[in-house]
């Protein structure tokens, strides 16, 4: 399938920094002194929803005028889901727009806190774990064929090992390193790897799998279904995000067209996932069913299979670009040298410290260690680890590096700004966003029941608006717009019908 719908969902953590408070006030605020990443802070998450309303962002419930979705997840995390995208460039623009939106909401929430006498300063982090051992996800969605889903185990080794270029990196605590052994890095490539329990799961909150198989309302076109990948790290780096989604889409096409044969399989996939995170990409061999492989070995095997496939199959310009980017990155990792005992980067001829999150972070931590003569267990390094993911451009380490042009970008800022307001132009998200924006400030309510369906109803007068019978009457007399085809940008007849309904209600 050359045309594919892709999308991501990212959960954010809130950090409530307490500033110069008396001891009794600090005790009352829930957790530790100073600054604490308070994961389940429902009041702070609710402030972001209030901020969304105050900013007058076109929205219908959780769905936004740019086709995406913003809501508070069951763990009280703010979560942003991109609209349906057909290409990686749009996907990157919309995920980064989600980061920008969350930071704008945090800034608006700070004003609300100040106006209501709530002490401290709020920050949002795009990472996957907090200091208390809680984890939260970055999920990917790909539309695939049923045949591919039946053979999805063939891509598990690819998903396990792609962390060598998609990982966000994290410090390994002293207890964790002692448990692993002193030959491990004092640093992990992936934030999520240590929290994965199984290959497949159907409930993301009870066990954490590589692929989530929970049945739900899934988007279909000619019986294609959604692949929900949940083992990935959240990426600050656009380069790493492009690699993550672009290479996965490539391998899925090869799988769908019967191009994946004789792939290396791990005897204990979850153990392999964790072990790969603890060692440099080209050093540690993980036991497979037909011998030992390093993570880099496995990635080169999948790359070679993709190259053979596209030697005899037409590739789009985007697929060619993804293939070249993948190869360049793997060669860069092959040339990359790191001391697994000290964590010092010894050689990086291909400049991965400008591209991959875990390498950028490790480079920054090593600079801090050298400058201040710090041990890996120093709390200041843990502070820097978390600050890497701060979405505030004044305090976030990655964003400061971006401002100083120390990291590579793959998309113009103008496209990110456009994605804040405009949906992708070539999927059903365009219709959803168009309807939401057109209905904004009109005498109608837009009820987006799910990704596939929209209901438009007249507001009615204030006196009986919330009465159950009045609400039922409004729903019956409303207009339902079905958006069942994710590839359909615009149903002209349906859009005209919606416009006439809105005009009639607004008259």
Foldseek 3Di string as FASTA:
>chain_A
DQWKWKKKKFWKWKKWAFDPDDPVVQVVVPDDPGIFGDGQPQVLLVLLVVLCVVVQFLAFVQAGLQLKGWDQDPSRTIMIMAHIDGALQLRLLQVVLVLVSSVSSQVSSQVVCVVVVNGTGMFMFRWAAGPVGHGDWMKMKMWAAPQLVVVVLLCLLVLLLLLLFQAQKDAAAPVRDVVVDLLWARIFSHPQLVQADEAEDQDCVPHHHQWHDNDDPFFDDPRTGMTMGIRGIGDPFSLSSLLVVLVVVLLRVCSRVVLRDDAWAAPDSSVSSRVLRGHQQQPDWGDTPVGTDGSLRRLVVSLVSSVVVCVPPPHDPSNVVNSVSSVLVSVQSVQWDARRNQLDTDDRPSLCCQGGNNNVLSVVLVVVCVVVVDDSNDVVSNVLSRLCRISPCVRRPVNVCVVVVVHDHDHDVVSSVCSNNHYPQFWCSRVVSVLSVLLRPFQWRWHDPDSFKIKIFGQDDPPCNPPPVNVVVRRVPIDMDTRSGGRHRDDPVVSVVSNVVRVVSRD
